């Protein structure tokens, strides 16, 4: 397909990327009309290198942050500039060289054809490339991906935390950009926002490239921050989806199953402590009541989860580009 007729912008967040940034910029294909590089107050020479590259490539536009805002903050600045430039599709390519620009056509094709509103890479479909991924990253990404799927509602996609993605401009413009997470939770928070707009997300098999780059992601901070943010995202999604925007059988199941589960656990726990302190066995009815409540609650909640699994958007909102 001839991509030159489409207004495509690539946003490159850059932080401590002086060793890789020029190779990333040179590797971007000719059909990319705008290259927006956001220097997120990087302490190295990234900005100077980009400014020099812009002298030879008119497509490059440099944005500099006076204060580090995180990858999400950098992307929001880049998104706004790309929309100002009239881009029809915006692609995120990190400045550390992990994302192979040769796969940009694979990312944007579903958006051009109107099959998806948002396309993202999936590192777990290519087993040869997967073996190159460090073990700690592989295990962490698998666990985090499952939790992110539950929080965002996109159960049908894999590797939801993958940062290599493309999005249609009209869908991006509908998002509250300033309310997206500014840190490494950015991709998941964006998915959660897309879900509430019924955007269709499509996986594209793209292997990651792991070299000698140094990640600025703190594992300790991630383990502390991500679980709370995932829980908050899940609760917000469920409340908005099933109690504000709509009311369905999933809502009924949740309203029935959650109180039953809480009753069974709390009542059973209290009675267990009381009879344990007395040193006597609890009556049969006292044991059966919370047990049945928990079993019934689990069955009802599993039904709610099954309906939630089937509720992921299946049809693109945006029409095909002509």
Protein backbone atom coordinates (compact mmCIF):
# COMPACT_ATOMS: atom_id res chain seq x y z
CA UNK A 1 0.00 0.00 0.00
CA UNK A 2 1.14 3.55 -0.74
CA UNK A 3 1.49 5.21 2.67
CA UNK A 4 2.80 8.59 1.47
CA UNK A 5 -0.71 9.95 0.93
CA UNK A 6 -1.54 9.63 4.62
CA UNK A 7 -0.48 12.17 7.23
CA UNK A 8 1.48 9.98 9.62
CA UNK A 9 3.27 11.31 12.70
CA UNK A 10 5.73 9.46 14.90
CA UNK A 11 6.15 10.60 18.51
CA UNK A 12 9.49 9.71 20.10
CA UNK A 13 9.83 10.18 23.88
CA UNK A 14 13.51 10.64 24.67
CA UNK A 15 15.23 10.35 28.03
CA UNK A 16 18.89 9.34 28.32
CA UNK A 17 18.90 8.19 24.70
CA UNK A 18 22.00 9.91 23.31
CA UNK A 19 23.50 6.60 22.20
CA UNK A 20 20.44 5.42 20.27
CA UNK A 21 18.36 8.44 19.26
CA UNK A 22 20.09 9.20 15.96
CA UNK A 23 19.81 5.58 14.80
CA UNK A 24 16.11 5.63 15.70
CA UNK A 25 15.50 8.81 13.72
CA UNK A 26 17.44 7.57 10.71
CA UNK A 27 15.50 4.31 10.74
CA UNK A 28 12.08 5.92 10.41
CA UNK A 29 10.63 5.32 6.93
CA UNK A 30 10.24 8.07 4.33
CA UNK A 31 6.44 7.95 4.38
CA UNK A 32 6.43 9.35 7.94
CA UNK A 33 5.46 13.00 7.46
CA UNK A 34 6.20 14.33 10.97
CA UNK A 35 8.67 13.19 13.64
CA UNK A 36 7.95 14.73 17.03
CA UNK A 37 10.76 14.15 19.51
CA UNK A 38 10.00 15.02 23.13
CA UNK A 39 13.12 15.51 25.23
CA UNK A 40 11.86 14.87 28.75
CA UNK A 41 14.47 17.01 30.53
CA UNK A 42 17.13 14.44 29.66
CA UNK A 43 20.46 15.21 31.39
CA UNK A 44 22.51 13.93 28.45
CA UNK A 45 23.05 15.30 24.94
CA UNK A 46 19.86 13.84 23.43
CA UNK A 47 18.31 17.24 22.68
CA UNK A 48 21.46 18.60 21.03
CA UNK A 49 21.71 15.54 18.80
CA UNK A 50 18.07 15.82 17.76
CA UNK A 51 18.43 19.54 17.06
CA UNK A 52 21.41 18.82 14.83
CA UNK A 53 19.50 16.05 13.01
CA UNK A 54 16.60 18.45 12.39
CA UNK A 55 18.93 20.61 10.28
CA UNK A 56 19.06 17.80 7.72
CA UNK A 57 15.53 16.42 8.17
CA UNK A 58 12.69 18.94 8.06
CA UNK A 59 10.26 16.36 9.41
CA UNK A 60 11.84 16.50 12.88
CA UNK A 61 10.23 18.73 15.50
CA UNK A 62 11.84 18.93 18.95
CA UNK A 63 9.89 19.61 22.15
CA UNK A 64 11.84 20.09 25.37
CA UNK A 65 10.53 19.73 28.91
CA UNK A 66 12.12 21.88 31.56
CA UNK A 67 11.20 19.27 34.18
CA UNK A 68 11.03 15.51 33.79
CA UNK A 69 7.39 14.42 33.49
CA UNK A 70 7.76 10.71 32.75
CA UNK A 71 7.04 8.82 29.55
CA UNK A 72 3.31 9.55 29.81
CA UNK A 73 3.90 13.26 30.19
CA UNK A 74 6.28 13.23 27.22
CA UNK A 75 3.73 11.38 25.08
CA UNK A 76 0.94 13.80 25.96
CA UNK A 77 3.09 16.71 24.76
CA UNK A 78 3.92 14.77 21.60
CA UNK A 79 0.27 13.82 21.02
CA UNK A 80 -0.86 17.43 21.22
CA UNK A 81 1.78 18.53 18.73
CA UNK A 82 0.92 15.69 16.33
CA UNK A 83 -2.75 16.68 16.43
CA UNK A 84 -1.78 20.30 15.75
CA UNK A 85 0.14 19.11 12.69
CA UNK A 86 -3.02 17.45 11.37
CA UNK A 87 -1.78 13.86 11.65
CA UNK A 88 -4.29 11.17 10.77
CA UNK A 89 -2.37 8.40 12.55
CA UNK A 90 0.10 8.76 15.42
CA UNK A 91 2.71 6.12 16.19
CA UNK A 92 4.77 5.87 19.37
CA UNK A 93 8.39 4.80 18.91
CA UNK A 94 10.68 4.88 21.94
CA UNK A 95 14.03 6.59 21.59
CA UNK A 96 16.02 3.69 23.08
CA UNK A 97 16.10 1.59 19.92
CA UNK A 98 13.98 -1.32 21.22
CA UNK A 99 11.23 -0.74 18.64
CA UNK A 100 12.04 -1.74 15.08
CA UNK A 101 10.58 0.92 12.71
CA UNK A 102 10.27 -1.68 9.94
CA UNK A 103 7.05 -2.80 11.63
CA UNK A 104 5.33 0.59 11.37
CA UNK A 105 3.42 -0.50 8.21
CA UNK A 106 2.08 -3.53 10.10
CA UNK A 107 0.86 -1.24 12.89
CA UNK A 108 -0.85 1.37 10.76
CA UNK A 109 -2.48 -0.88 8.15
CA UNK A 110 -5.39 -2.01 10.42
CA UNK A 111 -6.05 1.67 11.22
CA UNK A 112 -6.00 2.74 7.57
CA UNK A 113 -8.38 -0.06 6.59
CA UNK A 114 -10.77 0.74 9.43
CA UNK A 115 -10.30 -2.61 11.17
CA UNK A 116 -9.05 -1.06 14.42
CA UNK A 117 -8.81 2.27 16.22
CA UNK A 118 -5.63 1.34 18.07
CA UNK A 119 -2.96 -1.19 17.13
CA UNK A 120 -0.24 -2.35 19.48
CA UNK A 121 2.73 -4.65 19.37
CA UNK A 122 2.73 -8.11 20.87
CA UNK A 123 6.14 -9.44 21.90
CA UNK A 124 4.88 -12.87 22.94
CA UNK A 125 3.94 -14.30 19.54
CA UNK A 126 7.52 -14.54 18.25
CA UNK A 127 9.18 -17.33 20.25
CA UNK A 128 12.66 -16.76 18.83
CA UNK A 129 12.57 -13.11 19.87
CA UNK A 130 10.95 -14.02 23.18
CA UNK A 131 13.98 -16.10 24.14
CA UNK A 132 16.11 -12.96 23.81
CA UNK A 133 14.00 -11.17 26.40
CA UNK A 134 15.65 -11.21 29.85
CA UNK A 135 13.95 -13.73 32.16
CA UNK A 136 12.98 -11.15 34.76
CA UNK A 137 11.29 -9.06 32.08
CA UNK A 138 9.55 -12.09 30.62
CA UNK A 139 8.06 -13.19 33.95
CA UNK A 140 7.20 -9.65 35.00
CA UNK A 141 5.57 -8.78 31.68
CA UNK A 142 3.45 -11.94 31.67
CA UNK A 143 2.11 -11.29 35.16
CA UNK A 144 1.63 -7.58 34.58
CA UNK A 145 -0.07 -8.24 31.25
CA UNK A 146 -2.74 -10.42 32.86
CA UNK A 147 -3.49 -7.81 35.52
CA UNK A 148 -3.54 -5.02 32.93
CA UNK A 149 -6.02 -7.01 30.81
CA UNK A 150 -8.37 -7.33 33.78
CA UNK A 151 -8.01 -3.66 34.69
CA UNK A 152 -8.47 -2.29 31.17
CA UNK A 153 -11.17 -4.72 30.00
CA UNK A 154 -9.26 -5.78 26.88
CA UNK A 155 -9.18 -9.48 27.70
CA UNK A 156 -8.82 -10.31 24.00
CA UNK A 157 -5.40 -8.67 23.58
CA UNK A 158 -2.05 -9.87 24.81
CA UNK A 159 0.93 -7.88 26.02
CA UNK A 160 -1.26 -4.82 26.87
CA UNK A 161 1.69 -3.00 28.42
CA UNK A 162 3.59 -2.95 25.12
CA UNK A 163 4.57 0.65 24.31
CA UNK A 164 4.86 0.22 20.54
CA UNK A 165 1.48 1.35 19.23
CA UNK A 166 -0.43 3.41 16.66
CA UNK A 167 -3.71 5.25 17.13
CA UNK A 168 -6.17 7.05 14.88
CA UNK A 169 -6.13 10.81 15.43
CA UNK A 170 -9.89 11.16 15.93
CA UNK A 171 -9.82 8.52 18.65
CA UNK A 172 -6.81 10.15 20.30
CA UNK A 173 -8.50 13.57 20.21
CA UNK A 174 -11.48 12.12 22.11
CA UNK A 175 -9.30 11.06 25.06
CA UNK A 176 -8.69 13.31 28.10
CA UNK A 177 -4.96 13.54 27.42
CA UNK A 178 -4.10 15.54 30.52
CA UNK A 179 -5.67 12.84 32.70
CA UNK A 180 -3.55 10.00 31.35
CA UNK A 181 -0.94 8.60 33.71
CA UNK A 182 2.35 10.46 33.40
CA UNK A 183 4.59 7.52 34.32
CA UNK A 184 5.10 3.95 33.14
CA UNK A 185 1.43 3.18 33.81
CA UNK A 186 0.69 5.34 30.77
CA UNK A 187 -0.08 2.50 28.32
CA UNK A 188 -2.51 0.78 30.69
CA UNK A 189 -4.28 4.02 31.59
CA UNK A 190 -4.64 4.76 27.88
CA UNK A 191 -6.16 1.34 27.23
CA UNK A 192 -8.65 1.89 30.03
CA UNK A 193 -9.72 5.20 28.48
CA UNK A 194 -10.02 3.60 25.04
CA UNK A 195 -12.24 0.85 26.46
CA UNK A 196 -14.76 3.40 27.70
CA UNK A 197 -14.96 4.79 24.15
CA UNK A 198 -15.55 1.34 22.63
CA UNK A 199 -12.31 1.53 20.66
CA UNK A 200 -11.24 -1.69 18.97
CA UNK A 201 -7.68 -2.73 19.77
CA UNK A 202 -5.72 -5.09 17.54
CA UNK A 203 -2.55 -7.02 18.34
CA UNK A 204 0.31 -6.98 15.85
CA UNK A 205 3.16 -9.44 16.26
CA UNK A 206 6.32 -7.37 16.73
CA UNK A 207 9.44 -8.75 18.45
CA UNK A 208 11.24 -6.40 20.82
CA UNK A 209 14.93 -5.69 20.40
CA UNK A 210 16.98 -5.93 23.60
CA UNK A 211 20.47 -4.54 23.38
CA UNK A 212 22.64 -2.81 25.96
CA UNK A 213 20.21 -0.01 26.76
CA UNK A 214 19.66 0.86 30.42
CA UNK A 215 16.04 0.99 31.49
CA UNK A 216 14.99 3.86 33.75
CA UNK A 217 12.07 1.79 35.05
CA UNK A 218 12.44 1.02 38.74
CA UNK A 219 11.33 -2.53 39.52
CA UNK A 220 10.79 -1.69 43.19
CA UNK A 221 8.69 1.35 42.37
CA UNK A 222 6.67 -0.66 39.86
CA UNK A 223 5.88 -3.36 42.43
CA UNK A 224 4.67 -0.68 44.84
CA UNK A 225 2.76 1.60 42.47
CA UNK A 226 1.30 -0.69 39.82
CA UNK A 227 -0.93 -2.95 42.00
CA UNK A 228 -2.73 0.06 43.50
CA UNK A 229 -3.12 1.76 40.13
CA UNK A 230 -4.38 -1.46 38.54
CA UNK A 231 -6.97 -1.87 41.31
CA UNK A 232 -8.10 1.74 40.94
CA UNK A 233 -8.36 1.34 37.17
CA UNK A 234 -10.38 -1.88 37.52
CA UNK A 235 -12.83 -0.38 40.00
CA UNK A 236 -13.29 2.77 37.93
CA UNK A 237 -13.86 0.77 34.74
CA UNK A 238 -16.42 -1.53 36.32
CA UNK A 239 -18.35 1.32 37.95
CA UNK A 240 -18.47 3.41 34.77
CA UNK A 241 -19.11 0.52 32.39
CA UNK A 242 -21.75 -1.37 34.35
CA UNK A 243 -23.38 1.20 36.61
CA UNK A 244 -23.02 4.63 34.95
CA UNK A 245 -22.94 4.08 31.19
CA UNK A 246 -25.06 0.93 31.22
CA UNK A 247 -26.87 -1.55 33.46
CA UNK A 248 -26.91 -5.19 32.38
CA UNK A 249 -26.84 -8.74 33.72
CA UNK A 250 -23.20 -8.18 34.58
CA UNK A 251 -24.34 -5.38 36.89
CA UNK A 252 -26.88 -7.69 38.53
CA UNK A 253 -24.29 -10.41 39.03
CA UNK A 254 -21.88 -7.95 40.62
CA UNK A 255 -24.54 -6.49 42.91
CA UNK A 256 -25.43 -10.03 44.02
CA UNK A 257 -22.05 -11.75 44.10
CA UNK A 258 -19.94 -9.13 45.88
CA UNK A 259 -22.26 -8.73 48.94
CA UNK A 260 -22.61 -12.51 49.18
CA UNK A 261 -18.85 -12.96 49.11
CA UNK A 262 -18.26 -10.25 51.71
CA UNK A 263 -20.98 -11.67 53.96
CA UNK A 264 -19.58 -15.19 53.75
CA UNK A 265 -16.01 -14.11 54.45
CA UNK A 266 -16.81 -11.64 57.24
CA UNK A 267 -19.52 -13.68 58.98
CA UNK A 268 -17.51 -16.89 58.65
CA UNK A 269 -14.36 -15.22 59.94
CA UNK A 270 -16.11 -13.71 62.96
CA UNK A 271 -17.80 -17.00 63.92
CA UNK A 272 -14.58 -18.94 63.42
CA UNK A 273 -12.76 -16.62 65.84
CA UNK A 274 -15.59 -16.73 68.39
CA UNK A 275 -15.82 -20.51 68.54
CA UNK A 276 -12.04 -20.92 68.41
CA UNK A 277 -11.71 -18.72 71.49
CA UNK A 278 -14.32 -20.80 73.32
CA UNK A 279 -12.63 -24.02 72.32
CA UNK A 280 -15.83 -25.61 71.02
CA UNK A 281 -16.84 -26.67 67.49
CA UNK A 282 -19.19 -24.36 65.59
CA UNK A 283 -22.72 -25.61 64.90
CA UNK A 284 -23.30 -27.15 61.49
CA UNK A 285 -25.61 -24.35 60.37
CA UNK A 286 -23.05 -21.72 61.33
CA UNK A 287 -20.45 -23.47 59.16
CA UNK A 288 -22.72 -24.16 56.20
CA UNK A 289 -24.18 -20.64 55.91
CA UNK A 290 -20.94 -18.74 55.12
CA UNK A 291 -19.60 -21.68 53.09
CA UNK A 292 -22.62 -21.70 50.79
CA UNK A 293 -22.51 -17.90 50.55
CA UNK A 294 -18.90 -17.96 49.37
CA UNK A 295 -19.48 -20.83 46.91
CA UNK A 296 -22.57 -19.16 45.45
CA UNK A 297 -20.81 -15.79 45.29
CA UNK A 298 -17.88 -17.30 43.38
CA UNK A 299 -20.25 -18.90 40.85
CA UNK A 300 -22.09 -15.63 40.32
CA UNK A 301 -18.89 -13.61 39.99
CA UNK A 302 -17.50 -16.12 37.50
CA UNK A 303 -20.60 -15.51 35.40
CA UNK A 304 -19.96 -11.77 35.62
CA UNK A 305 -16.34 -12.28 34.53
CA UNK A 306 -17.47 -14.44 31.62
CA UNK A 307 -19.77 -11.66 30.40
CA UNK A 308 -16.99 -9.11 30.88
CA UNK A 309 -14.68 -11.27 28.76
CA UNK A 310 -17.19 -11.10 25.91
CA UNK A 311 -17.74 -7.34 26.27
CA UNK A 312 -14.44 -6.18 24.75
CA UNK A 313 -15.09 -3.92 21.71
CA UNK A 314 -15.13 -5.94 18.49
CA UNK A 315 -15.79 -3.26 15.86
CA UNK A 316 -13.73 -0.19 15.05
CA UNK A 317 -15.27 3.21 15.71
CA UNK A 318 -13.17 5.02 13.09
CA UNK A 319 -13.88 4.50 9.40
CA UNK A 320 -11.29 3.50 6.82
CA UNK A 321 -9.04 6.26 5.49
CA UNK A 322 -9.39 7.07 1.82
